[in-house]
Amino acid sequence: MLTQEKAEQILQAADLIYSAEVIEQAIQRLADEITAELSGQYPLVLCVMKGAAVFAGHLLPKLVFPLNFDYIQVSRYHNATSGGDIDWLIRPQNDFQNRSVLVIDDILDEGLTLAAIRKQVLDRGARSFYAAVLADKEIGKTKPFHADFVGLQLPNRYVFGFGMDIYDAWRNLPAIYALHSEPGK
């Protein structure tokens, strides 16, 4: 865990990537797109904890159609031999059978976690699967998963704020920041 002093130093040295105003505009655009696509489907909406909590809190009130809401918490193994398998730490309480499911996540990085969530949801009987991410990170390689609704594009840097953490701190920031680039990179 960071000390308060170290957390403040990280923020002071970070680069602002997206302001709160730009993020809110992107969320409203996403809400409009999601409403156009899902308003007649009475979907089950799943928030991927912890990172997507802030994004979901801003997005849900802008979705002007009935939905059910639940959350999931998953952990992905980070060694390459695992193939992106995920460990479901908290499973949703709602049934997926014949439901349209919208998963809300904070960031699409490599795409392995959302690909595995999609497989699990469809294997459990969902009629359709959609994913909305606040941000898609440009990592310079092909991803196994692409979100249906994307708010913002991020550079391939370590980002934090608006639900995304750095050493479990700064999820509460209203904007998105990136660690300052190292010289020569």
N, C-alpha and C. Protein backbone atom coordinates (compact mmCIF):
# COMPACT_ATOMS: atom_id res chain seq x y z
N MET A 1 0.84 -1.19 0.00
CA MET A 1 0.00 0.00 0.00
C MET A 1 0.88 1.25 0.00
N LEU A 2 0.48 2.22 -0.77
CA LEU A 2 1.22 3.48 -0.85
C LEU A 2 1.00 4.32 0.39
N THR A 3 2.00 5.11 0.72
CA THR A 3 1.78 6.14 1.73
C THR A 3 1.04 7.30 1.05
N GLN A 4 0.44 8.14 1.84
CA GLN A 4 -0.24 9.30 1.28
C GLN A 4 0.74 10.18 0.51
N GLU A 5 1.91 10.36 1.06
CA GLU A 5 2.93 11.18 0.40
C GLU A 5 3.30 10.62 -0.97
N LYS A 6 3.52 9.31 -1.06
CA LYS A 6 3.89 8.69 -2.34
C LYS A 6 2.74 8.79 -3.34
N ALA A 7 1.51 8.58 -2.88
CA ALA A 7 0.34 8.69 -3.76
C ALA A 7 0.23 10.11 -4.33
N GLU A 8 0.45 11.10 -3.50
CA GLU A 8 0.39 12.49 -3.96
C GLU A 8 1.52 12.80 -4.94
N GLN A 9 2.70 12.23 -4.71
CA GLN A 9 3.83 12.43 -5.63
C GLN A 9 3.52 11.81 -7.00
N ILE A 10 2.91 10.65 -7.00
CA ILE A 10 2.55 10.00 -8.27
C ILE A 10 1.59 10.88 -9.06
N LEU A 11 0.58 11.41 -8.40
CA LEU A 11 -0.38 12.27 -9.10
C LEU A 11 0.28 13.54 -9.61
N GLN A 12 1.12 14.16 -8.81
CA GLN A 12 1.78 15.40 -9.22
C GLN A 12 2.68 15.18 -10.44
N ALA A 13 3.27 14.01 -10.56
CA ALA A 13 4.18 13.73 -11.68
C ALA A 13 3.45 13.14 -12.89
N ALA A 14 2.16 12.86 -12.76
CA ALA A 14 1.42 12.20 -13.84
C ALA A 14 0.97 13.20 -14.91
N ASP A 15 0.64 12.65 -16.08
CA ASP A 15 0.12 13.45 -17.18
C ASP A 15 -1.39 13.28 -17.25
N LEU A 16 -2.11 14.39 -17.36
CA LEU A 16 -3.55 14.33 -17.55
C LEU A 16 -3.82 13.81 -18.95
N ILE A 17 -4.62 12.75 -19.06
CA ILE A 17 -4.97 12.19 -20.36
C ILE A 17 -6.36 12.66 -20.78
N TYR A 18 -7.34 12.54 -19.88
CA TYR A 18 -8.71 13.01 -20.15
C TYR A 18 -9.27 13.72 -18.93
N SER A 19 -9.83 14.89 -19.14
CA SER A 19 -10.45 15.66 -18.07
C SER A 19 -11.81 15.06 -17.70
N ALA A 20 -12.34 15.47 -16.57
CA ALA A 20 -13.66 15.02 -16.14
C ALA A 20 -14.73 15.38 -17.16
N GLU A 21 -14.61 16.56 -17.76
CA GLU A 21 -15.61 17.00 -18.75
C GLU A 21 -15.60 16.11 -19.99
N VAL A 22 -14.43 15.77 -20.47
CA VAL A 22 -14.33 14.90 -21.65
C VAL A 22 -14.88 13.51 -21.33
N ILE A 23 -14.58 13.02 -20.14
CA ILE A 23 -15.09 11.71 -19.73
C ILE A 23 -16.61 11.72 -19.68
N GLU A 24 -17.19 12.75 -19.09
CA GLU A 24 -18.65 12.83 -19.00
C GLU A 24 -19.31 12.90 -20.39
N GLN A 25 -18.69 13.61 -21.32
CA GLN A 25 -19.21 13.65 -22.69
C GLN A 25 -19.16 12.27 -23.33
N ALA A 26 -18.08 11.55 -23.11
CA ALA A 26 -17.96 10.20 -23.65
C ALA A 26 -19.00 9.26 -23.04
N ILE A 27 -19.25 9.40 -21.76
CA ILE A 27 -20.25 8.56 -21.09
C ILE A 27 -21.65 8.86 -21.62
N GLN A 28 -21.96 10.11 -21.87
CA GLN A 28 -23.28 10.44 -22.42
C GLN A 28 -23.42 9.85 -23.83
N ARG A 29 -22.37 9.93 -24.62
CA ARG A 29 -22.41 9.33 -25.96
C ARG A 29 -22.62 7.83 -25.86
N LEU A 30 -21.90 7.18 -24.96
CA LEU A 30 -22.07 5.74 -24.75
C LEU A 30 -23.50 5.42 -24.32
N ALA A 31 -24.05 6.19 -23.40
CA ALA A 31 -25.42 5.96 -22.94
C ALA A 31 -26.41 6.05 -24.09
N ASP A 32 -26.21 7.02 -24.97
CA ASP A 32 -27.08 7.16 -26.14
C ASP A 32 -26.95 5.95 -27.06
N GLU A 33 -25.73 5.49 -27.30
CA GLU A 33 -25.51 4.33 -28.16
C GLU A 33 -26.10 3.06 -27.54
N ILE A 34 -25.89 2.87 -26.25
CA ILE A 34 -26.41 1.68 -25.57
C ILE A 34 -27.93 1.70 -25.55
N THR A 35 -28.51 2.86 -25.29
CA THR A 35 -29.97 2.98 -25.27
C THR A 35 -30.55 2.64 -26.64
N ALA A 36 -29.93 3.13 -27.69
CA ALA A 36 -30.41 2.83 -29.04
C ALA A 36 -30.37 1.33 -29.33
N GLU A 37 -29.35 0.65 -28.82
CA GLU A 37 -29.17 -0.78 -29.10
C GLU A 37 -29.98 -1.69 -28.17
N LEU A 38 -30.07 -1.35 -26.90
CA LEU A 38 -30.60 -2.28 -25.90
C LEU A 38 -31.93 -1.90 -25.26
N SER A 39 -32.49 -0.77 -25.62
CA SER A 39 -33.67 -0.28 -24.90
C SER A 39 -34.86 -1.23 -24.92
N GLY A 40 -35.01 -2.05 -25.93
CA GLY A 40 -36.14 -2.97 -25.98
C GLY A 40 -35.84 -4.37 -25.48
N GLN A 41 -34.67 -4.58 -24.88
CA GLN A 41 -34.24 -5.93 -24.53
C GLN A 41 -34.29 -6.27 -23.04
N TYR A 42 -34.56 -5.31 -22.16
CA TYR A 42 -34.58 -5.52 -20.71
C TYR A 42 -33.35 -6.32 -20.27
N PRO A 43 -32.13 -5.76 -20.50
CA PRO A 43 -30.90 -6.51 -20.28
C PRO A 43 -30.53 -6.67 -18.81
N LEU A 44 -29.66 -7.64 -18.59
CA LEU A 44 -28.96 -7.78 -17.33
C LEU A 44 -27.63 -7.06 -17.51
N VAL A 45 -27.36 -6.08 -16.66
CA VAL A 45 -26.13 -5.30 -16.74
C VAL A 45 -25.21 -5.75 -15.62
N LEU A 46 -23.99 -6.14 -15.99
CA LEU A 46 -23.00 -6.60 -15.02
C LEU A 46 -21.84 -5.63 -14.96
N CYS A 47 -21.54 -5.15 -13.78
CA CYS A 47 -20.39 -4.28 -13.56
C CYS A 47 -19.21 -5.14 -13.12
N VAL A 48 -18.06 -4.98 -13.77
CA VAL A 48 -16.86 -5.69 -13.37
C VAL A 48 -16.17 -4.89 -12.27
N MET A 49 -16.17 -5.44 -11.08
CA MET A 49 -15.59 -4.76 -9.93
C MET A 49 -14.09 -4.99 -9.88
N LYS A 50 -13.34 -4.13 -9.36
CA LYS A 50 -13.64 -2.89 -8.71
C LYS A 50 -13.57 -1.73 -9.69
N GLY A 51 -12.80 -1.91 -10.73
CA GLY A 51 -12.47 -0.82 -11.64
C GLY A 51 -13.64 -0.13 -12.29
N ALA A 52 -14.70 -0.86 -12.64
CA ALA A 52 -15.80 -0.26 -13.37
C ALA A 52 -16.86 0.39 -12.48
N ALA A 53 -16.66 0.38 -11.17
CA ALA A 53 -17.67 0.93 -10.25
C ALA A 53 -17.96 2.40 -10.53
N VAL A 54 -16.93 3.19 -10.72
CA VAL A 54 -17.13 4.63 -10.96
C VAL A 54 -17.81 4.84 -12.32
N PHE A 55 -17.33 4.17 -13.34
CA PHE A 55 -17.93 4.25 -14.68
C PHE A 55 -19.39 3.84 -14.64
N ALA A 56 -19.71 2.72 -14.02
CA ALA A 56 -21.09 2.25 -13.93
C ALA A 56 -21.96 3.26 -13.18
N GLY A 57 -21.42 3.85 -12.13
CA GLY A 57 -22.17 4.84 -11.37
C GLY A 57 -22.55 6.07 -12.18
N HIS A 58 -21.75 6.42 -13.16
CA HIS A 58 -22.05 7.55 -14.04
C HIS A 58 -22.93 7.14 -15.22
N LEU A 59 -22.74 5.91 -15.70
CA LEU A 59 -23.45 5.44 -16.89
C LEU A 59 -24.90 5.03 -16.59
N LEU A 60 -25.11 4.26 -15.55
CA LEU A 60 -26.44 3.69 -15.29
C LEU A 60 -27.57 4.73 -15.24
N PRO A 61 -27.41 5.87 -14.56
CA PRO A 61 -28.52 6.83 -14.52
C PRO A 61 -28.86 7.44 -15.89
N LYS A 62 -27.99 7.28 -16.86
CA LYS A 62 -28.23 7.81 -18.20
C LYS A 62 -28.90 6.79 -19.12
N LEU A 63 -29.02 5.54 -18.67
CA LEU A 63 -29.70 4.51 -19.45
C LEU A 63 -31.19 4.57 -19.12
N VAL A 64 -31.98 5.03 -20.06
CA VAL A 64 -33.40 5.32 -19.79
C VAL A 64 -34.29 4.18 -20.27
N PHE A 65 -34.02 2.98 -19.78
CA PHE A 65 -34.83 1.81 -20.09
C PHE A 65 -34.69 0.84 -18.91
N PRO A 66 -35.65 -0.08 -18.76
CA PRO A 66 -35.55 -1.01 -17.63
C PRO A 66 -34.41 -2.00 -17.83
N LEU A 67 -33.75 -2.32 -16.73
CA LEU A 67 -32.66 -3.27 -16.74
C LEU A 67 -32.55 -3.89 -15.36
N ASN A 68 -31.87 -5.01 -15.28
CA ASN A 68 -31.46 -5.58 -14.00
C ASN A 68 -29.98 -5.31 -13.86
N PHE A 69 -29.53 -5.12 -12.62
CA PHE A 69 -28.13 -4.79 -12.38
C PHE A 69 -27.53 -5.78 -11.39
N ASP A 70 -26.32 -6.19 -11.68
CA ASP A 70 -25.56 -7.08 -10.80
C ASP A 70 -24.09 -6.75 -11.02
N TYR A 71 -23.24 -7.41 -10.30
CA TYR A 71 -21.81 -7.18 -10.48
C TYR A 71 -21.08 -8.51 -10.42
N ILE A 72 -19.88 -8.48 -10.96
CA ILE A 72 -18.99 -9.63 -10.91
C ILE A 72 -17.62 -9.13 -10.50
N GLN A 73 -16.84 -10.04 -9.95
CA GLN A 73 -15.44 -9.72 -9.69
C GLN A 73 -14.64 -10.92 -10.14
N VAL A 74 -13.70 -10.64 -11.01
CA VAL A 74 -12.89 -11.70 -11.59
C VAL A 74 -11.41 -11.36 -11.44
N SER A 75 -10.61 -12.40 -11.51
CA SER A 75 -9.16 -12.22 -11.49
C SER A 75 -8.60 -13.08 -12.62
N ARG A 76 -7.75 -12.49 -13.41
CA ARG A 76 -7.14 -13.23 -14.53
C ARG A 76 -5.72 -13.64 -14.15
N TYR A 77 -5.41 -14.87 -14.47
CA TYR A 77 -4.04 -15.34 -14.24
C TYR A 77 -3.14 -14.64 -15.25
N HIS A 78 -1.97 -14.26 -14.82
CA HIS A 78 -1.11 -13.45 -15.66
C HIS A 78 0.02 -14.20 -16.36
N ASN A 79 0.06 -15.52 -16.24
CA ASN A 79 1.12 -16.18 -17.02
C ASN A 79 0.56 -16.60 -18.37
N ALA A 80 1.40 -16.60 -19.35
CA ALA A 80 0.97 -16.80 -20.74
C ALA A 80 0.40 -18.18 -21.00
N THR A 81 0.72 -19.16 -20.18
CA THR A 81 0.23 -20.52 -20.44
C THR A 81 -1.21 -20.71 -20.00
N SER A 82 -1.77 -19.77 -19.29
CA SER A 82 -3.14 -19.94 -18.79
C SER A 82 -4.19 -19.66 -19.86
N GLY A 83 -3.81 -19.01 -20.94
CA GLY A 83 -4.76 -18.72 -22.01
C GLY A 83 -5.83 -17.73 -21.64
N GLY A 84 -5.61 -16.91 -20.62
CA GLY A 84 -6.58 -15.90 -20.25
C GLY A 84 -7.72 -16.42 -19.40
N ASP A 85 -7.57 -17.58 -18.77
CA ASP A 85 -8.62 -18.08 -17.89
C ASP A 85 -8.85 -17.10 -16.75
N ILE A 86 -10.08 -17.04 -16.30
CA ILE A 86 -10.38 -16.14 -15.19
C ILE A 86 -10.91 -16.93 -14.01
N ASP A 87 -10.68 -16.39 -12.86
CA ASP A 87 -11.20 -16.94 -11.61
C ASP A 87 -12.33 -16.03 -11.17
N TRP A 88 -13.53 -16.57 -11.07
CA TRP A 88 -14.70 -15.78 -10.66
C TRP A 88 -14.67 -15.64 -9.14
N LEU A 89 -14.28 -14.47 -8.65
CA LEU A 89 -14.26 -14.22 -7.21
C LEU A 89 -15.67 -13.98 -6.68
N ILE A 90 -16.47 -13.26 -7.46
CA ILE A 90 -17.88 -13.03 -7.12
C ILE A 90 -18.69 -13.25 -8.38
N ARG A 91 -19.61 -14.20 -8.32
CA ARG A 91 -20.48 -14.51 -9.45
C ARG A 91 -21.76 -13.69 -9.33
N PRO A 92 -22.39 -13.39 -10.45
CA PRO A 92 -23.67 -12.66 -10.40
C PRO A 92 -24.76 -13.54 -9.79
N GLN A 93 -25.72 -12.90 -9.16
CA GLN A 93 -26.84 -13.61 -8.55
C GLN A 93 -27.95 -13.89 -9.56
N ASN A 94 -28.02 -13.10 -10.61
CA ASN A 94 -29.08 -13.26 -11.61
C ASN A 94 -28.75 -14.39 -12.59
N ASP A 95 -29.81 -14.94 -13.17
CA ASP A 95 -29.69 -16.00 -14.18
C ASP A 95 -29.44 -15.36 -15.54
N PHE A 96 -28.58 -15.97 -16.34
CA PHE A 96 -28.27 -15.47 -17.68
C PHE A 96 -29.21 -16.04 -18.74
N GLN A 97 -29.92 -17.08 -18.43
CA GLN A 97 -30.69 -17.84 -19.41
C GLN A 97 -31.61 -16.93 -20.24
N ASN A 98 -31.40 -16.95 -21.56
CA ASN A 98 -32.19 -16.17 -22.52
C ASN A 98 -32.18 -14.67 -22.26
N ARG A 99 -31.14 -14.17 -21.62
CA ARG A 99 -31.04 -12.74 -21.34
C ARG A 99 -30.04 -12.09 -22.27
N SER A 100 -30.28 -10.84 -22.59
CA SER A 100 -29.25 -9.99 -23.17
C SER A 100 -28.42 -9.48 -22.00
N VAL A 101 -27.10 -9.61 -22.11
CA VAL A 101 -26.21 -9.22 -21.02
C VAL A 101 -25.28 -8.12 -21.52
N LEU A 102 -25.21 -7.05 -20.75
CA LEU A 102 -24.27 -5.96 -21.01
C LEU A 102 -23.26 -5.94 -19.87
N VAL A 103 -22.00 -6.13 -20.20
CA VAL A 103 -20.93 -6.06 -19.21
C VAL A 103 -20.28 -4.70 -19.30
N ILE A 104 -20.15 -4.05 -18.16
CA ILE A 104 -19.52 -2.73 -18.06
C ILE A 104 -18.16 -2.92 -17.42
N ASP A 105 -17.10 -2.48 -18.11
CA ASP A 105 -15.75 -2.58 -17.57
C ASP A 105 -15.03 -1.24 -17.75
N ASP A 106 -14.00 -1.03 -16.96
CA ASP A 106 -13.29 0.24 -17.02
C ASP A 106 -12.38 0.34 -18.23
N ILE A 107 -11.60 -0.72 -18.49
CA ILE A 107 -10.59 -0.62 -19.55
C ILE A 107 -10.47 -1.94 -20.30
N LEU A 108 -10.34 -1.84 -21.59
CA LEU A 108 -10.03 -2.98 -22.44
C LEU A 108 -8.54 -2.88 -22.74
N ASP A 109 -7.79 -3.73 -22.07
CA ASP A 109 -6.33 -3.70 -22.22
C ASP A 109 -5.94 -4.75 -23.25
N GLU A 110 -5.63 -5.95 -22.85
CA GLU A 110 -5.30 -7.02 -23.79
C GLU A 110 -6.54 -7.73 -24.31
N GLY A 111 -7.66 -7.63 -23.59
CA GLY A 111 -8.91 -8.25 -24.04
C GLY A 111 -9.14 -9.66 -23.54
N LEU A 112 -8.20 -10.23 -22.82
CA LEU A 112 -8.33 -11.61 -22.36
C LEU A 112 -9.44 -11.77 -21.32
N THR A 113 -9.54 -10.85 -20.39
CA THR A 113 -10.56 -10.97 -19.34
C THR A 113 -11.96 -10.86 -19.94
N LEU A 114 -12.21 -9.86 -20.77
CA LEU A 114 -13.54 -9.71 -21.36
C LEU A 114 -13.88 -10.86 -22.30
N ALA A 115 -12.90 -11.39 -22.99
CA ALA A 115 -13.15 -12.56 -23.85
C ALA A 115 -13.60 -13.74 -23.00
N ALA A 116 -12.94 -13.94 -21.87
CA ALA A 116 -13.31 -15.05 -20.98
C ALA A 116 -14.66 -14.82 -20.33
N ILE A 117 -14.96 -13.58 -19.95
CA ILE A 117 -16.29 -13.27 -19.38
C ILE A 117 -17.36 -13.53 -20.43
N ARG A 118 -17.13 -13.09 -21.65
CA ARG A 118 -18.10 -13.32 -22.73
C ARG A 118 -18.37 -14.82 -22.89
N LYS A 119 -17.33 -15.62 -22.93
CA LYS A 119 -17.50 -17.07 -23.09
C LYS A 119 -18.33 -17.64 -21.94
N GLN A 120 -18.01 -17.26 -20.73
CA GLN A 120 -18.73 -17.75 -19.55
C GLN A 120 -20.21 -17.36 -19.58
N VAL A 121 -20.48 -16.11 -19.93
CA VAL A 121 -21.87 -15.62 -19.99
C VAL A 121 -22.66 -16.36 -21.06
N LEU A 122 -22.09 -16.52 -22.24
CA LEU A 122 -22.80 -17.22 -23.31
C LEU A 122 -22.93 -18.72 -23.00
N ASP A 123 -21.91 -19.31 -22.39
CA ASP A 123 -22.00 -20.72 -22.00
C ASP A 123 -23.10 -20.95 -20.96
N ARG A 124 -23.41 -19.92 -20.18
CA ARG A 124 -24.46 -20.05 -19.16
C ARG A 124 -25.84 -19.67 -19.70
N GLY A 125 -25.96 -19.56 -21.03
CA GLY A 125 -27.28 -19.44 -21.64
C GLY A 125 -27.75 -18.06 -22.02
N ALA A 126 -26.89 -17.06 -21.99
CA ALA A 126 -27.32 -15.72 -22.40
C ALA A 126 -27.69 -15.73 -23.88
N ARG A 127 -28.70 -14.96 -24.23
CA ARG A 127 -29.14 -14.81 -25.62
C ARG A 127 -28.15 -13.98 -26.42
N SER A 128 -27.62 -12.93 -25.79
CA SER A 128 -26.66 -12.06 -26.46
C SER A 128 -25.75 -11.43 -25.43
N PHE A 129 -24.59 -10.98 -25.91
CA PHE A 129 -23.57 -10.39 -25.04
C PHE A 129 -23.09 -9.09 -25.65
N TYR A 130 -23.04 -8.06 -24.83
CA TYR A 130 -22.50 -6.76 -25.23
C TYR A 130 -21.51 -6.33 -24.16
N ALA A 131 -20.53 -5.55 -24.56
CA ALA A 131 -19.57 -5.00 -23.61
C ALA A 131 -19.42 -3.51 -23.85
N ALA A 132 -19.43 -2.76 -22.76
CA ALA A 132 -19.17 -1.33 -22.79
C ALA A 132 -17.96 -1.06 -21.92
N VAL A 133 -16.97 -0.40 -22.49
CA VAL A 133 -15.77 -0.04 -21.73
C VAL A 133 -15.59 1.46 -21.77
N LEU A 134 -15.16 1.99 -20.65
CA LEU A 134 -14.86 3.42 -20.62
C LEU A 134 -13.71 3.72 -21.57
N ALA A 135 -12.71 2.83 -21.58
CA ALA A 135 -11.51 3.12 -22.38
C ALA A 135 -10.95 1.86 -23.01
N ASP A 136 -10.43 2.03 -24.21
CA ASP A 136 -9.76 0.96 -24.94
C ASP A 136 -8.31 1.41 -25.10
N LYS A 137 -7.39 0.60 -24.56
CA LYS A 137 -5.97 0.95 -24.62
C LYS A 137 -5.38 0.47 -25.94
N GLU A 138 -4.69 1.36 -26.63
CA GLU A 138 -4.03 1.04 -27.89
C GLU A 138 -2.70 0.36 -27.56
N ILE A 139 -2.70 -0.99 -27.62
CA ILE A 139 -1.50 -1.73 -27.20
C ILE A 139 -0.62 -2.15 -28.37
N GLY A 140 -1.03 -1.88 -29.58
CA GLY A 140 -0.20 -2.16 -30.73
C GLY A 140 -0.22 -3.60 -31.20
N LYS A 141 -1.19 -4.38 -30.75
CA LYS A 141 -1.32 -5.75 -31.25
C LYS A 141 -2.80 -6.13 -31.26
N THR A 142 -3.10 -7.19 -32.01
CA THR A 142 -4.48 -7.64 -32.14
C THR A 142 -4.99 -8.20 -30.82
N LYS A 143 -6.22 -7.85 -30.49
CA LYS A 143 -6.84 -8.32 -29.25
C LYS A 143 -7.87 -9.41 -29.57
N PRO A 144 -8.07 -10.36 -28.66
CA PRO A 144 -9.05 -11.41 -28.89
C PRO A 144 -10.49 -10.96 -28.66
N PHE A 145 -10.67 -9.71 -28.26
CA PHE A 145 -12.00 -9.21 -27.94
C PHE A 145 -12.07 -7.73 -28.27
N HIS A 146 -13.21 -7.33 -28.80
CA HIS A 146 -13.46 -5.91 -29.07
C HIS A 146 -14.80 -5.54 -28.45
N ALA A 147 -14.81 -4.44 -27.72
CA ALA A 147 -16.04 -3.99 -27.05
C ALA A 147 -17.02 -3.42 -28.07
N ASP A 148 -18.30 -3.57 -27.76
CA ASP A 148 -19.35 -3.02 -28.61
C ASP A 148 -19.48 -1.52 -28.45
N PHE A 149 -19.18 -1.04 -27.25
CA PHE A 149 -19.32 0.38 -26.94
C PHE A 149 -18.03 0.84 -26.25
N VAL A 150 -17.35 1.82 -26.85
CA VAL A 150 -16.07 2.31 -26.33
C VAL A 150 -16.15 3.81 -26.14
N GLY A 151 -15.82 4.26 -24.93
CA GLY A 151 -15.87 5.68 -24.63
C GLY A 151 -14.67 6.45 -25.13
N LEU A 152 -13.48 6.00 -24.79
CA LEU A 152 -12.26 6.74 -25.06
C LEU A 152 -11.14 5.80 -25.50
N GLN A 153 -10.20 6.32 -26.25
CA GLN A 153 -9.00 5.58 -26.63
C GLN A 153 -7.86 6.05 -25.73
N LEU A 154 -7.08 5.09 -25.23
CA LEU A 154 -5.97 5.43 -24.36
C LEU A 154 -4.65 5.05 -25.00
N PRO A 155 -3.60 5.82 -24.71
CA PRO A 155 -2.27 5.43 -25.17
C PRO A 155 -1.81 4.21 -24.38
N ASN A 156 -0.80 3.54 -24.88
CA ASN A 156 -0.26 2.36 -24.23
C ASN A 156 0.66 2.78 -23.08
N ARG A 157 0.03 3.29 -22.03
CA ARG A 157 0.72 3.75 -20.83
C ARG A 157 -0.06 3.27 -19.61
N TYR A 158 0.57 3.29 -18.46
CA TYR A 158 -0.13 2.91 -17.23
C TYR A 158 -1.02 4.08 -16.83
N VAL A 159 -2.34 3.84 -16.81
CA VAL A 159 -3.31 4.89 -16.52
C VAL A 159 -4.01 4.62 -15.20
N PHE A 160 -4.53 5.70 -14.62
CA PHE A 160 -5.27 5.59 -13.37
C PHE A 160 -6.24 6.75 -13.25
N GLY A 161 -7.21 6.58 -12.35
CA GLY A 161 -8.27 7.56 -12.15
C GLY A 161 -9.58 7.07 -12.74
N PHE A 162 -10.66 7.66 -12.31
CA PHE A 162 -12.01 7.30 -12.75
C PHE A 162 -12.25 5.79 -12.66
N GLY A 163 -11.89 5.23 -11.51
CA GLY A 163 -12.10 3.82 -11.24
C GLY A 163 -10.86 2.96 -11.40
N MET A 164 -9.94 3.40 -12.21
CA MET A 164 -8.70 2.63 -12.42
C MET A 164 -7.68 3.04 -11.35
N ASP A 165 -6.97 2.06 -10.83
CA ASP A 165 -6.08 2.36 -9.71
C ASP A 165 -4.61 2.30 -10.10
N ILE A 166 -3.83 2.88 -9.22
CA ILE A 166 -2.38 2.70 -9.26
C ILE A 166 -1.99 2.29 -7.84
N TYR A 167 -1.52 1.06 -7.69
CA TYR A 167 -1.20 0.50 -6.38
C TYR A 167 -2.38 0.63 -5.41
N ASP A 168 -3.57 0.40 -5.93
CA ASP A 168 -4.83 0.44 -5.18
C ASP A 168 -5.22 1.83 -4.69
N ALA A 169 -4.65 2.86 -5.27
CA ALA A 169 -4.99 4.24 -4.92
C ALA A 169 -5.53 4.97 -6.15
N TRP A 170 -6.13 6.11 -5.92
CA TRP A 170 -6.58 7.07 -6.92
C TRP A 170 -7.72 6.60 -7.83
N ARG A 171 -8.49 5.59 -7.43
CA ARG A 171 -9.70 5.22 -8.19
C ARG A 171 -10.70 6.37 -8.19
N ASN A 172 -10.63 7.20 -7.17
CA ASN A 172 -11.60 8.26 -6.94
C ASN A 172 -11.37 9.53 -7.75
N LEU A 173 -10.35 9.59 -8.55
CA LEU A 173 -10.10 10.80 -9.34
C LEU A 173 -11.18 10.99 -10.40
N PRO A 174 -11.61 12.22 -10.67
CA PRO A 174 -12.63 12.48 -11.68
C PRO A 174 -12.10 12.51 -13.11
N ALA A 175 -10.79 12.38 -13.27
CA ALA A 175 -10.14 12.43 -14.58
C ALA A 175 -9.24 11.20 -14.72
N ILE A 176 -8.68 11.02 -15.92
CA ILE A 176 -7.76 9.91 -16.16
C ILE A 176 -6.36 10.46 -16.37
N TYR A 177 -5.41 9.86 -15.67
CA TYR A 177 -4.02 10.26 -15.72
C TYR A 177 -3.16 9.08 -16.16
N ALA A 178 -1.94 9.37 -16.61
CA ALA A 178 -0.97 8.33 -16.94
C ALA A 178 0.33 8.65 -16.23
N LEU A 179 1.02 7.58 -15.85
CA LEU A 179 2.34 7.77 -15.30
C LEU A 179 3.18 8.53 -16.32
N HIS A 180 4.00 9.39 -15.83
CA HIS A 180 4.88 10.17 -16.72
C HIS A 180 5.80 9.22 -17.47
N SER A 181 5.93 9.44 -18.77
CA SER A 181 6.81 8.59 -19.59
C SER A 181 8.25 8.73 -19.14
N GLU A 182 8.94 7.61 -19.19
CA GLU A 182 10.37 7.65 -18.89
C GLU A 182 11.11 8.24 -20.08
N PRO A 183 12.16 8.99 -19.86
CA PRO A 183 12.93 9.54 -20.98
C PRO A 183 13.42 8.42 -21.89
N GLY A 184 13.37 8.66 -23.17
CA GLY A 184 13.82 7.68 -24.14
C GLY A 184 12.80 6.63 -24.53
N LYS A 185 11.61 6.69 -23.96
CA LYS A 185 10.58 5.69 -24.30
C LYS A 185 9.52 6.29 -25.16
